[in-house]
Amino acid sequence: LLNLAFNNDNNCVLIATADGCSAVHEAMRRHPQDSNVHHQGCLALGNLASNNNNQVLIASEGGITVVVAAMRQHPQDNNVQHYGCYALASLASNNNNNKVLIACEGGITVV
């Protein structure tokens, strides 16, 4: 999903419509110890959040919580930290509500 969503707004919409964002969240929740799942999930959510509607959807489904949790769970993993920051930045881009949610979820302290 992360590759399909990269720089392709149409695919971002199709993935979201097919519950792809939820699938990424669920994979990250089910595999809390797997840093590879978390860094790939953060990258996928970051790519999907390039679409403004997806920013709202991802946040409403708990995506911000999942990204912050991944960053807390894997503080020494450079990939999780890098792509977690990317996901948070993508979710916050031009979205003041998500900026507030990120702050409330502890996103500022993990960065």
PDB file of N, CA and C in Angstrom:
ATOM      1  N   LEU A   1       0.813  -1.191   0.000  1.00  0.00           N
ATOM      2  CA  LEU A   1       0.000   0.000   0.000  1.00  0.00           C
ATOM      3  C   LEU A   1       0.860   1.259   0.000  1.00  0.00           C
ATOM      4  N   LEU A   2       1.987   1.183   0.703  1.00  0.00           N
ATOM      5  CA  LEU A   2       2.803   2.397   0.786  1.00  0.00           C
ATOM      6  C   LEU A   2       3.322   2.797  -0.581  1.00  0.00           C
ATOM      7  N   ASN A   3       3.693   1.833  -1.406  1.00  0.00           N
ATOM      8  CA  ASN A   3       4.172   2.166  -2.749  1.00  0.00           C
ATOM      9  C   ASN A   3       3.047   2.643  -3.657  1.00  0.00           C
ATOM     10  N   LEU A   4       1.887   2.049  -3.534  1.00  0.00           N
ATOM     11  CA  LEU A   4       0.746   2.462  -4.352  1.00  0.00           C
ATOM     12  C   LEU A   4       0.299   3.886  -4.019  1.00  0.00           C
ATOM     13  N   ALA A   5       0.454   4.268  -2.755  1.00  0.00           N
ATOM     14  CA  ALA A   5       0.003   5.588  -2.320  1.00  0.00           C
ATOM     15  C   ALA A   5       1.012   6.691  -2.617  1.00  0.00           C
ATOM     16  N   PHE A   6       2.262   6.330  -2.889  1.00  0.00           N
ATOM     17  CA  PHE A   6       3.316   7.330  -3.067  1.00  0.00           C
ATOM     18  C   PHE A   6       3.041   8.217  -4.281  1.00  0.00           C
ATOM     19  N   ASN A   7       2.875   9.509  -4.034  1.00  0.00           N
ATOM     20  CA  ASN A   7       2.674  10.512  -5.091  1.00  0.00           C
ATOM     21  C   ASN A   7       1.538  10.171  -6.051  1.00  0.00           C
ATOM     22  N   ASN A   8       0.491   9.531  -5.553  1.00  0.00           N
ATOM     23  CA  ASN A   8      -0.623   9.171  -6.413  1.00  0.00           C
ATOM     24  C   ASN A   8      -1.928   9.380  -5.644  1.00  0.00           C
ATOM     25  N   ASP A   9      -2.520  10.570  -5.825  1.00  0.00           N
ATOM     26  CA  ASP A   9      -3.728  10.923  -5.083  1.00  0.00           C
ATOM     27  C   ASP A   9      -4.885   9.986  -5.398  1.00  0.00           C
ATOM     28  N   ASN A  10      -5.015   9.567  -6.646  1.00  0.00           N
ATOM     29  CA  ASN A  10      -6.106   8.650  -6.995  1.00  0.00           C
ATOM     30  C   ASN A  10      -5.986   7.348  -6.226  1.00  0.00           C
ATOM     31  N   ASN A  11      -4.771   6.809  -6.142  1.00  0.00           N
ATOM     32  CA  ASN A  11      -4.576   5.580  -5.381  1.00  0.00           C
ATOM     33  C   ASN A  11      -4.827   5.797  -3.892  1.00  0.00           C
ATOM     34  N   CYS A  12      -4.455   6.956  -3.386  1.00  0.00           N
ATOM     35  CA  CYS A  12      -4.715   7.256  -1.972  1.00  0.00           C
ATOM     36  C   CYS A  12      -6.205   7.194  -1.680  1.00  0.00           C
ATOM     37  N   VAL A  13      -7.003   7.749  -2.564  1.00  0.00           N
ATOM     38  CA  VAL A  13      -8.460   7.733  -2.390  1.00  0.00           C
ATOM     39  C   VAL A  13      -8.992   6.306  -2.483  1.00  0.00           C
ATOM     40  N   LEU A  14      -8.525   5.557  -3.481  1.00  0.00           N
ATOM     41  CA  LEU A  14      -8.984   4.172  -3.644  1.00  0.00           C
ATOM     42  C   LEU A  14      -8.597   3.303  -2.447  1.00  0.00           C
ATOM     43  N   ILE A  15      -7.389   3.470  -1.946  1.00  0.00           N
ATOM     44  CA  ILE A  15      -6.942   2.693  -0.793  1.00  0.00           C
ATOM     45  C   ILE A  15      -7.798   3.015   0.426  1.00  0.00           C
ATOM     46  N   ALA A  16      -8.071   4.285   0.648  1.00  0.00           N
ATOM     47  CA  ALA A  16      -8.902   4.682   1.786  1.00  0.00           C
ATOM     48  C   ALA A  16     -10.321   4.135   1.641  1.00  0.00           C
ATOM     49  N   THR A  17     -10.861   4.182   0.445  1.00  0.00           N
ATOM     50  CA  THR A  17     -12.209   3.679   0.186  1.00  0.00           C
ATOM     51  C   THR A  17     -12.299   2.179   0.457  1.00  0.00           C
ATOM     52  N   ALA A  18     -11.200   1.471   0.221  1.00  0.00           N
ATOM     53  CA  ALA A  18     -11.160   0.022   0.444  1.00  0.00           C
ATOM     54  C   ALA A  18     -10.704  -0.329   1.866  1.00  0.00           C
ATOM     55  N   ASP A  19     -10.762   0.637   2.774  1.00  0.00           N
ATOM     56  CA  ASP A  19     -10.372   0.452   4.177  1.00  0.00           C
ATOM     57  C   ASP A  19      -8.893   0.128   4.356  1.00  0.00           C
ATOM     58  N   GLY A  20      -8.078   0.619   3.446  1.00  0.00           N
ATOM     59  CA  GLY A  20      -6.641   0.392   3.537  1.00  0.00           C
ATOM     60  C   GLY A  20      -5.999   1.067   4.732  1.00  0.00           C
ATOM     61  N   CYS A  21      -6.489   2.253   5.084  1.00  0.00           N
ATOM     62  CA  CYS A  21      -5.940   2.951   6.250  1.00  0.00           C
ATOM     63  C   CYS A  21      -6.198   2.129   7.507  1.00  0.00           C
ATOM     64  N   SER A  22      -7.389   1.590   7.615  1.00  0.00           N
ATOM     65  CA  SER A  22      -7.733   0.740   8.756  1.00  0.00           C
ATOM     66  C   SER A  22      -6.861  -0.507   8.801  1.00  0.00           C
ATOM     67  N   ALA A  23      -6.569  -1.067   7.646  1.00  0.00           N
ATOM     68  CA  ALA A  23      -5.724  -2.265   7.598  1.00  0.00           C
ATOM     69  C   ALA A  23      -4.325  -1.969   8.124  1.00  0.00           C
ATOM     70  N   VAL A  24      -3.797  -0.800   7.793  1.00  0.00           N
ATOM     71  CA  VAL A  24      -2.470  -0.418   8.284  1.00  0.00           C
ATOM     72  C   VAL A  24      -2.505  -0.242   9.795  1.00  0.00           C
ATOM     73  N   HIS A  25      -3.519   0.473  10.302  1.00  0.00           N
ATOM     74  CA  HIS A  25      -3.650   0.659  11.756  1.00  0.00           C
ATOM     75  C   HIS A  25      -3.717  -0.687  12.459  1.00  0.00           C
ATOM     76  N   GLU A  26      -4.533  -1.576  11.937  1.00  0.00           N
ATOM     77  CA  GLU A  26      -4.738  -2.869  12.582  1.00  0.00           C
ATOM     78  C   GLU A  26      -3.449  -3.689  12.596  1.00  0.00           C
ATOM     79  N   ALA A  27      -2.709  -3.669  11.509  1.00  0.00           N
ATOM     80  CA  ALA A  27      -1.428  -4.399  11.472  1.00  0.00           C
ATOM     81  C   ALA A  27      -0.478  -3.852  12.534  1.00  0.00           C
ATOM     82  N   MET A  28      -0.431  -2.535  12.663  1.00  0.00           N
ATOM     83  CA  MET A  28       0.448  -1.925  13.657  1.00  0.00           C
ATOM     84  C   MET A  28       0.001  -2.273  15.076  1.00  0.00           C
ATOM     85  N   ARG A  29      -1.296  -2.322  15.307  1.00  0.00           N
ATOM     86  CA  ARG A  29      -1.813  -2.664  16.639  1.00  0.00           C
ATOM     87  C   ARG A  29      -1.554  -4.131  16.985  1.00  0.00           C
ATOM     88  N   ARG A  30      -1.682  -4.999  15.996  1.00  0.00           N
ATOM     89  CA  ARG A  30      -1.522  -6.439  16.238  1.00  0.00           C
ATOM     90  C   ARG A  30      -0.068  -6.867  16.410  1.00  0.00           C
ATOM     91  N   HIS A  31       0.846  -6.045  15.970  1.00  0.00           N
ATOM     92  CA  HIS A  31       2.267  -6.405  16.020  1.00  0.00           C
ATOM     93  C   HIS A  31       3.070  -5.309  16.715  1.00  0.00           C
ATOM     94  N   PRO A  32       2.791  -5.066  17.990  1.00  0.00           N
ATOM     95  CA  PRO A  32       3.428  -3.943  18.684  1.00  0.00           C
ATOM     96  C   PRO A  32       4.946  -4.087  18.840  1.00  0.00           C
ATOM     97  N   GLN A  33       5.456  -5.307  18.807  1.00  0.00           N
ATOM     98  CA  GLN A  33       6.891  -5.509  18.992  1.00  0.00           C
ATOM     99  C   GLN A  33       7.663  -5.518  17.673  1.00  0.00           C
ATOM    100  N   ASP A  34       6.975  -5.522  16.556  1.00  0.00           N
ATOM    101  CA  ASP A  34       7.625  -5.654  15.249  1.00  0.00           C
ATOM    102  C   ASP A  34       7.946  -4.277  14.669  1.00  0.00           C
ATOM    103  N   SER A  35       9.184  -3.865  14.802  1.00  0.00           N
ATOM    104  CA  SER A  35       9.573  -2.526  14.333  1.00  0.00           C
ATOM    105  C   SER A  35       9.450  -2.398  12.822  1.00  0.00           C
ATOM    106  N   ASN A  36       9.610  -3.499  12.084  1.00  0.00           N
ATOM    107  CA  ASN A  36       9.469  -3.423  10.627  1.00  0.00           C
ATOM    108  C   ASN A  36       8.028  -3.106  10.238  1.00  0.00           C
ATOM    109  N   VAL A  37       7.076  -3.751  10.898  1.00  0.00           N
ATOM    110  CA  VAL A  37       5.659  -3.444  10.639  1.00  0.00           C
ATOM    111  C   VAL A  37       5.390  -1.982  10.966  1.00  0.00           C
ATOM    112  N   HIS A  38       5.977  -1.502  12.045  1.00  0.00           N
ATOM    113  CA  HIS A  38       5.734  -0.123  12.454  1.00  0.00           C
ATOM    114  C   HIS A  38       6.374   0.887  11.506  1.00  0.00           C
ATOM    115  N   HIS A  39       7.587   0.636  11.063  1.00  0.00           N
ATOM    116  CA  HIS A  39       8.176   1.639  10.168  1.00  0.00           C
ATOM    117  C   HIS A  39       7.496   1.614   8.801  1.00  0.00           C
ATOM    118  N   GLN A  40       7.130   0.436   8.327  1.00  0.00           N
ATOM    119  CA  GLN A  40       6.397   0.363   7.054  1.00  0.00           C
ATOM    120  C   GLN A  40       5.001   0.976   7.198  1.00  0.00           C
ATOM    121  N   GLY A  41       4.369   0.743   8.350  1.00  0.00           N
ATOM    122  CA  GLY A  41       3.047   1.324   8.599  1.00  0.00           C
ATOM    123  C   GLY A  41       3.089   2.835   8.673  1.00  0.00           C
ATOM    124  N   CYS A  42       4.095   3.365   9.358  1.00  0.00           N
ATOM    125  CA  CYS A  42       4.233   4.830   9.425  1.00  0.00           C
ATOM    126  C   CYS A  42       4.462   5.422   8.042  1.00  0.00           C
ATOM    127  N   LEU A  43       5.285   4.760   7.249  1.00  0.00           N
ATOM    128  CA  LEU A  43       5.531   5.243   5.887  1.00  0.00           C
ATOM    129  C   LEU A  43       4.246   5.202   5.066  1.00  0.00           C
ATOM    130  N   ALA A  44       3.489   4.113   5.174  1.00  0.00           N
ATOM    131  CA  ALA A  44       2.230   4.004   4.432  1.00  0.00           C
ATOM    132  C   ALA A  44       1.252   5.098   4.860  1.00  0.00           C
ATOM    133  N   LEU A  45       1.110   5.310   6.170  1.00  0.00           N
ATOM    134  CA  LEU A  45       0.192   6.349   6.633  1.00  0.00           C
ATOM    135  C   LEU A  45       0.649   7.735   6.196  1.00  0.00           C
ATOM    136  N   GLY A  46       1.942   7.963   6.200  1.00  0.00           N
ATOM    137  CA  GLY A  46       2.466   9.243   5.711  1.00  0.00           C
ATOM    138  C   GLY A  46       2.132   9.464   4.252  1.00  0.00           C
ATOM    139  N   ASN A  47       2.294   8.421   3.444  1.00  0.00           N
ATOM    140  CA  ASN A  47       1.958   8.541   2.021  1.00  0.00           C
ATOM    141  C   ASN A  47       0.456   8.740   1.825  1.00  0.00           C
ATOM    142  N   LEU A  48      -0.347   7.987   2.560  1.00  0.00           N
ATOM    143  CA  LEU A  48      -1.806   8.113   2.438  1.00  0.00           C
ATOM    144  C   LEU A  48      -2.300   9.477   2.904  1.00  0.00           C
ATOM    145  N   ALA A  49      -1.601  10.082   3.851  1.00  0.00           N
ATOM    146  CA  ALA A  49      -2.010  11.380   4.387  1.00  0.00           C
ATOM    147  C   ALA A  49      -1.685  12.535   3.452  1.00  0.00           C
ATOM    148  N   SER A  50      -1.115  12.247   2.300  1.00  0.00           N
ATOM    149  CA  SER A  50      -0.902  13.321   1.320  1.00  0.00           C
ATOM    150  C   SER A  50      -2.234  13.818   0.763  1.00  0.00           C
ATOM    151  N   ASN A  51      -3.287  13.035   0.967  1.00  0.00           N
ATOM    152  CA  ASN A  51      -4.635  13.420   0.565  1.00  0.00           C
ATOM    153  C   ASN A  51      -5.352  14.030   1.775  1.00  0.00           C
ATOM    154  N   ASN A  52      -5.908  15.223   1.608  1.00  0.00           N
ATOM    155  CA  ASN A  52      -6.530  15.935   2.732  1.00  0.00           C
ATOM    156  C   ASN A  52      -7.654  15.151   3.398  1.00  0.00           C
ATOM    157  N   ASN A  53      -8.482  14.486   2.610  1.00  0.00           N
ATOM    158  CA  ASN A  53      -9.569  13.693   3.187  1.00  0.00           C
ATOM    159  C   ASN A  53      -9.020  12.522   3.994  1.00  0.00           C
ATOM    160  N   ASN A  54      -7.926  11.944   3.517  1.00  0.00           N
ATOM    161  CA  ASN A  54      -7.311  10.835   4.242  1.00  0.00           C
ATOM    162  C   ASN A  54      -6.713  11.303   5.566  1.00  0.00           C
ATOM    163  N   GLN A  55      -6.241  12.544   5.617  1.00  0.00           N
ATOM    164  CA  GLN A  55      -5.729  13.071   6.881  1.00  0.00           C
ATOM    165  C   GLN A  55      -6.808  12.992   7.956  1.00  0.00           C
ATOM    166  N   VAL A  56      -8.001  13.396   7.590  1.00  0.00           N
ATOM    167  CA  VAL A  56      -9.131  13.383   8.527  1.00  0.00           C
ATOM    168  C   VAL A  56      -9.500  11.944   8.885  1.00  0.00           C
ATOM    169  N   LEU A  57      -9.562  11.079   7.877  1.00  0.00           N
ATOM    170  CA  LEU A  57      -9.923   9.680   8.102  1.00  0.00           C
ATOM    171  C   LEU A  57      -8.911   8.982   9.005  1.00  0.00           C
ATOM    172  N   ILE A  58      -7.642   9.137   8.696  1.00  0.00           N
ATOM    173  CA  ILE A  58      -6.594   8.478   9.483  1.00  0.00           C
ATOM    174  C   ILE A  58      -6.663   8.932  10.941  1.00  0.00           C
ATOM    175  N   ALA A  59      -6.815  10.223  11.145  1.00  0.00           N
ATOM    176  CA  ALA A  59      -6.907  10.745  12.519  1.00  0.00           C
ATOM    177  C   ALA A  59      -8.147  10.204  13.225  1.00  0.00           C
ATOM    178  N   SER A  60      -9.276  10.181  12.529  1.00  0.00           N
ATOM    179  CA  SER A  60     -10.520   9.733  13.161  1.00  0.00           C
ATOM    180  C   SER A  60     -10.491   8.247  13.510  1.00  0.00           C
ATOM    181  N   GLU A  61      -9.666   7.490  12.809  1.00  0.00           N
ATOM    182  CA  GLU A  61      -9.553   6.053  13.072  1.00  0.00           C
ATOM    183  C   GLU A  61      -8.436   5.723  14.061  1.00  0.00           C
ATOM    184  N   GLY A  62      -7.822   6.735  14.632  1.00  0.00           N
ATOM    185  CA  GLY A  62      -6.781   6.496  15.622  1.00  0.00           C
ATOM    186  C   GLY A  62      -5.380   6.389  15.068  1.00  0.00           C
ATOM    187  N   GLY A  63      -5.174   6.843  13.850  1.00  0.00           N
ATOM    188  CA  GLY A  63      -3.862   6.743  13.224  1.00  0.00           C
ATOM    189  C   GLY A  63      -2.776   7.539  13.926  1.00  0.00           C
ATOM    190  N   ILE A  64      -3.131   8.684  14.456  1.00  0.00           N
ATOM    191  CA  ILE A  64      -2.145   9.494  15.179  1.00  0.00           C
ATOM    192  C   ILE A  64      -1.701   8.745  16.433  1.00  0.00           C
ATOM    193  N   THR A  65      -2.642   8.165  17.130  1.00  0.00           N
ATOM    194  CA  THR A  65      -2.335   7.386  18.329  1.00  0.00           C
ATOM    195  C   THR A  65      -1.395   6.228  18.000  1.00  0.00           C
ATOM    196  N   VAL A  66      -1.659   5.545  16.896  1.00  0.00           N
ATOM    197  CA  VAL A  66      -0.852   4.391  16.498  1.00  0.00           C
ATOM    198  C   VAL A  66       0.576   4.815  16.151  1.00  0.00           C
ATOM    199  N   VAL A  67       0.718   5.931  15.446  1.00  0.00           N
ATOM    200  CA  VAL A  67       2.057   6.407  15.070  1.00  0.00           C
ATOM    201  C   VAL A  67       2.838   6.812  16.313  1.00  0.00           C
ATOM    202  N   VAL A  68       2.218   7.567  17.197  1.00  0.00           N
ATOM    203  CA  VAL A  68       2.904   7.993  18.422  1.00  0.00           C
ATOM    204  C   VAL A  68       3.281   6.770  19.264  1.00  0.00           C
ATOM    205  N   ALA A  69       2.391   5.789  19.348  1.00  0.00           N
ATOM    206  CA  ALA A  69       2.681   4.565  20.100  1.00  0.00           C
ATOM    207  C   ALA A  69       3.866   3.813  19.497  1.00  0.00           C
ATOM    208  N   ALA A  70       3.928   3.764  18.178  1.00  0.00           N
ATOM    209  CA  ALA A  70       5.052   3.094  17.508  1.00  0.00           C
ATOM    210  C   ALA A  70       6.368   3.790  17.838  1.00  0.00           C
ATOM    211  N   MET A  71       6.346   5.106  17.828  1.00  0.00           N
ATOM    212  CA  MET A  71       7.563   5.864  18.140  1.00  0.00           C
ATOM    213  C   MET A  71       7.980   5.658  19.597  1.00  0.00           C
ATOM    214  N   ARG A  72       7.014   5.535  20.483  1.00  0.00           N
ATOM    215  CA  ARG A  72       7.325   5.268  21.896  1.00  0.00           C
ATOM    216  C   ARG A  72       7.841   3.846  22.090  1.00  0.00           C
ATOM    217  N   GLN A  73       7.251   2.909  21.355  1.00  0.00           N
ATOM    218  CA  GLN A  73       7.603   1.495  21.494  1.00  0.00           C
ATOM    219  C   GLN A  73       9.013   1.206  20.972  1.00  0.00           C
ATOM    220  N   HIS A  74       9.448   1.972  19.971  1.00  0.00           N
ATOM    221  CA  HIS A  74      10.730   1.694  19.315  1.00  0.00           C
ATOM    222  C   HIS A  74      11.612   2.945  19.286  1.00  0.00           C
ATOM    223  N   PRO A  75      11.987   3.464  20.459  1.00  0.00           N
ATOM    224  CA  PRO A  75      12.725   4.734  20.489  1.00  0.00           C
ATOM    225  C   PRO A  75      14.124   4.661  19.882  1.00  0.00           C
ATOM    226  N   GLN A  76      14.701   3.484  19.807  1.00  0.00           N
ATOM    227  CA  GLN A  76      16.052   3.338  19.266  1.00  0.00           C
ATOM    228  C   GLN A  76      16.066   2.926  17.793  1.00  0.00           C
ATOM    229  N   ASP A  77      14.901   2.715  17.206  1.00  0.00           N
ATOM    230  CA  ASP A  77      14.837   2.286  15.807  1.00  0.00           C
ATOM    231  C   ASP A  77      14.755   3.513  14.908  1.00  0.00           C
ATOM    232  N   ASN A  78      15.820   3.765  14.184  1.00  0.00           N
ATOM    233  CA  ASN A  78      15.877   4.955  13.329  1.00  0.00           C
ATOM    234  C   ASN A  78      14.782   4.983  12.280  1.00  0.00           C
ATOM    235  N   ASN A  79      14.424   3.834  11.716  1.00  0.00           N
ATOM    236  CA  ASN A  79      13.381   3.803  10.687  1.00  0.00           C
ATOM    237  C   ASN A  79      12.019   4.171  11.264  1.00  0.00           C
ATOM    238  N   VAL A  80      11.683   3.624  12.424  1.00  0.00           N
ATOM    239  CA  VAL A  80      10.398   3.957  13.045  1.00  0.00           C
ATOM    240  C   VAL A  80      10.364   5.444  13.384  1.00  0.00           C
ATOM    241  N   GLN A  81      11.448   5.954  13.925  1.00  0.00           N
ATOM    242  CA  GLN A  81      11.491   7.372  14.284  1.00  0.00           C
ATOM    243  C   GLN A  81      11.386   8.259  13.042  1.00  0.00           C
ATOM    244  N   HIS A  82      12.131   7.918  12.011  1.00  0.00           N
ATOM    245  CA  HIS A  82      12.124   8.712  10.777  1.00  0.00           C
ATOM    246  C   HIS A  82      10.738   8.720  10.123  1.00  0.00           C
ATOM    247  N   TYR A  83      10.185   7.530   9.914  1.00  0.00           N
ATOM    248  CA  TYR A  83       8.901   7.449   9.226  1.00  0.00           C
ATOM    249  C   TYR A  83       7.733   7.849  10.128  1.00  0.00           C
ATOM    250  N   GLY A  84       7.920   7.724  11.437  1.00  0.00           N
ATOM    251  CA  GLY A  84       6.920   8.253  12.354  1.00  0.00           C
ATOM    252  C   GLY A  84       6.834   9.766  12.243  1.00  0.00           C
ATOM    253  N   CYS A  85       7.993  10.418  12.182  1.00  0.00           N
ATOM    254  CA  CYS A  85       8.012  11.878  11.990  1.00  0.00           C
ATOM    255  C   CYS A  85       7.389  12.258  10.650  1.00  0.00           C
ATOM    256  N   TYR A  86       7.702  11.474   9.622  1.00  0.00           N
ATOM    257  CA  TYR A  86       7.124  11.722   8.297  1.00  0.00           C
ATOM    258  C   TYR A  86       5.599  11.617   8.352  1.00  0.00           C
ATOM    259  N   ALA A  87       5.092  10.567   9.011  1.00  0.00           N
ATOM    260  CA  ALA A  87       3.636  10.386   9.105  1.00  0.00           C
ATOM    261  C   ALA A  87       2.991  11.540   9.855  1.00  0.00           C
ATOM    262  N   LEU A  88       3.586  11.927  10.980  1.00  0.00           N
ATOM    263  CA  LEU A  88       3.016  13.040  11.747  1.00  0.00           C
ATOM    264  C   LEU A  88       3.050  14.341  10.953  1.00  0.00           C
ATOM    265  N   ALA A  89       4.143  14.581  10.241  1.00  0.00           N
ATOM    266  CA  ALA A  89       4.236  15.794   9.422  1.00  0.00           C
ATOM    267  C   ALA A  89       3.191  15.782   8.316  1.00  0.00           C
ATOM    268  N   SER A  90       3.003  14.631   7.689  1.00  0.00           N
ATOM    269  CA  SER A  90       1.991  14.528   6.627  1.00  0.00           C
ATOM    270  C   SER A  90       0.584  14.727   7.179  1.00  0.00           C
ATOM    271  N   LEU A  91       0.328  14.159   8.346  1.00  0.00           N
ATOM    272  CA  LEU A  91      -0.996  14.311   8.958  1.00  0.00           C
ATOM    273  C   LEU A  91      -1.258  15.740   9.409  1.00  0.00           C
ATOM    274  N   ALA A  92      -0.210  16.461   9.779  1.00  0.00           N
ATOM    275  CA  ALA A  92      -0.362  17.839  10.260  1.00  0.00           C
ATOM    276  C   ALA A  92      -0.399  18.868   9.142  1.00  0.00           C
ATOM    277  N   SER A  93       0.053  18.498   7.964  1.00  0.00           N
ATOM    278  CA  SER A  93       0.166  19.445   6.863  1.00  0.00           C
ATOM    279  C   SER A  93      -1.183  20.078   6.526  1.00  0.00           C
ATOM    280  N   ASN A  94      -1.281  21.381   6.711  1.00  0.00           N
ATOM    281  CA  ASN A  94      -2.498  22.140   6.405  1.00  0.00           C
ATOM    282  C   ASN A  94      -3.731  21.621   7.134  1.00  0.00           C
ATOM    283  N   ASN A  95      -3.537  21.039   8.327  1.00  0.00           N
ATOM    284  CA  ASN A  95      -4.663  20.499   9.070  1.00  0.00           C
ATOM    285  C   ASN A  95      -4.495  20.857  10.549  1.00  0.00           C
ATOM    286  N   ASN A  96      -5.103  21.966  10.944  1.00  0.00           N
ATOM    287  CA  ASN A  96      -4.958  22.449  12.320  1.00  0.00           C
ATOM    288  C   ASN A  96      -5.541  21.490  13.352  1.00  0.00           C
ATOM    289  N   ASN A  97      -6.634  20.807  13.008  1.00  0.00           N
ATOM    290  CA  ASN A  97      -7.214  19.844  13.947  1.00  0.00           C
ATOM    291  C   ASN A  97      -6.236  18.713  14.251  1.00  0.00           C
ATOM    292  N   ASN A  98      -5.563  18.228  13.213  1.00  0.00           N
ATOM    293  CA  ASN A  98      -4.604  17.157  13.428  1.00  0.00           C
ATOM    294  C   ASN A  98      -3.389  17.648  14.214  1.00  0.00           C
ATOM    295  N   LYS A  99      -3.009  18.895  14.020  1.00  0.00           N
ATOM    296  CA  LYS A  99      -1.898  19.450  14.809  1.00  0.00           C
ATOM    297  C   LYS A  99      -2.232  19.401  16.296  1.00  0.00           C
ATOM    298  N   VAL A 100      -3.461  19.752  16.633  1.00  0.00           N
ATOM    299  CA  VAL A 100      -3.898  19.711  18.029  1.00  0.00           C
ATOM    300  C   VAL A 100      -3.923  18.261  18.529  1.00  0.00           C
ATOM    301  N   LEU A 101      -4.458  17.351  17.716  1.00  0.00           N
ATOM    302  CA  LEU A 101      -4.513  15.943  18.113  1.00  0.00           C
ATOM    303  C   LEU A 101      -3.113  15.372  18.329  1.00  0.00           C
ATOM    304  N   ILE A 102      -2.195  15.720  17.449  1.00  0.00           N
ATOM    305  CA  ILE A 102      -0.813  15.243  17.587  1.00  0.00           C
ATOM    306  C   ILE A 102      -0.226  15.718  18.911  1.00  0.00           C
ATOM    307  N   ALA A 103      -0.448  16.980  19.224  1.00  0.00           N
ATOM    308  CA  ALA A 103       0.055  17.514  20.494  1.00  0.00           C
ATOM    309  C   ALA A 103      -0.599  16.808  21.678  1.00  0.00           C
ATOM    310  N   CYS A 104      -1.913  16.597  21.610  1.00  0.00           N
ATOM    311  CA  CYS A 104      -2.637  15.954  22.710  1.00  0.00           C
ATOM    312  C   CYS A 104      -2.218  14.498  22.898  1.00  0.00           C
ATOM    313  N   GLU A 105      -1.839  13.836  21.831  1.00  0.00           N
ATOM    314  CA  GLU A 105      -1.423  12.424  21.898  1.00  0.00           C
ATOM    315  C   GLU A 105       0.035  12.262  22.326  1.00  0.00           C
ATOM    316  N   GLY A 106       0.748  13.374  22.489  1.00  0.00           N
ATOM    317  CA  GLY A 106       2.152  13.290  22.886  1.00  0.00           C
ATOM    318  C   GLY A 106       3.118  13.272  21.719  1.00  0.00           C
ATOM    319  N   GLY A 107       2.618  13.645  20.551  1.00  0.00           N
ATOM    320  CA  GLY A 107       3.450  13.620  19.350  1.00  0.00           C
ATOM    321  C   GLY A 107       4.621  14.592  19.385  1.00  0.00           C
ATOM    322  N   ILE A 108       4.472  15.669  20.107  1.00  0.00           N
ATOM    323  CA  ILE A 108       5.571  16.638  20.182  1.00  0.00           C
ATOM    324  C   ILE A 108       6.713  16.067  21.025  1.00  0.00           C
ATOM    325  N   THR A 109       6.375  15.401  22.111  1.00  0.00           N
ATOM    326  CA  THR A 109       7.427  14.875  22.984  1.00  0.00           C
ATOM    327  C   THR A 109       8.173  13.703  22.361  1.00  0.00           C
ATOM    328  N   VAL A 110       7.519  12.901  21.532  1.00  0.00           N
ATOM    329  CA  VAL A 110       8.236  11.773  20.913  1.00  0.00           C
ATOM    330  C   VAL A 110       9.155  12.233  19.795  1.00  0.00           C
ATOM    331  N   VAL A 111       8.853  13.384  19.229  1.00  0.00           N
ATOM    332  CA  VAL A 111       9.703  13.902  18.160  1.00  0.00           C
ATOM    333  C   VAL A 111      10.936  14.522  18.793  1.00  0.00           C
TER     334      VAL A 111
END
